[in-house]
Amino acid sequence: MAEREDAGAGTGPVVSLGNGWDNDDAAGRRPEDEAGRGVVVAFGQTLKTLRLREGLEREEFGRRLGYSASTVAAFEQGRRIPSPRTIECADEVLGAGGLLCLWKEQVERAQYPVFFQGMAALEKEAVELLSYDTLVVKGLLQTEEYMRALLGMRRPPLDQEIIEQRVAARLVRQDIFDRRPAPLLSFVMDESVLQRWYGGREVLRGQLEQLLLIGQKPNVEIQVMPLRSEESAGVDGPFTVVTQRGGKKFVYVEAQGSSALQTDPDQAALAAARYGIIRSQALTPRESMAFIEGLLGEL
């Protein structure tokens, strides 16, 4: 389900989303557009005003939140975006009575560029997410070390601050595994993804161990498409199908620094059906866990 195929077929609306996300071309925990910057700056000013009202220095306030004074300064100046949990903690420490918590949704959305905000919202509210990957482990499944390895390989190189922001944003997305009610999550990845030593032996070892842990969750299925497979309905490349409450489906596709969100219901239904075929062609979840354990034993 490549983007060029959908765009050329004329079968339904494709929303071009600009730079890709899991391939690391999207923004991390920093505002990437003017509207986002405005929200984050306004929140930072409010945070600073409430801190000064309480008579707290940045060092003391940071200590209570578990951050350094420099990080607090970055929050207040709109250079970094605090997590929802940090905002809740700050609201409590400053006795804001819920004032800061009113900003949570807007501030969280500001960490993503405009083109990814729709997908981010879908991901947060998904009742089902189906993902097929051929290049790297899905961002939702990545360890922090694996994330840093991928980001560190970007050319041109990324600034360290940007790497930190993107790592933080991706880790926040992994809250999907702890959400209640739990969404149904299915991941199929090519065997080649698990054979790549991105970051070295220990990084790969940690990533394989994480896959085994996440694969034990009752709402998660992880499957491997073996290299020896003679058939694969996934020859057009990676894609993700997200289902909302009510059953509406969307397809998200990334390729070489660009991404698109397919909104046509017929195309989304076809993508879901295609994913079902891919899943049937891959190793079963039980076989896949045994396969990953075997790879881990070889490291």
Foldseek 3Di string as FASTA:
>chain_A
DAPVVVVVVPPADKFWLFFDQQLPLWFFQAFDDPVLLVLQQVLLCVLVVLCVVVVHQLQVLCVQLVHHSVVNVCSNRRNGQDALVSQVSSCVVSVVVCPSNVSHVSSLLRRTYPSCSVVLVLLVFFLEKEKEAEAAPGLLLADLLLLLLSQCPDPVHDDPVRSVRRSVRSVSSNCQCVDPVRHQYEYEYEPVNLVDQRNHDVRSLVSLVSCLVSCPDPRYFYWYQYPPQPDALQPNHIKMWTAHPVGQIWIWDHDDGIIIITRDRVVSVVVVVSSVVRQVSTDGRVVRNVVSVVVSVVD
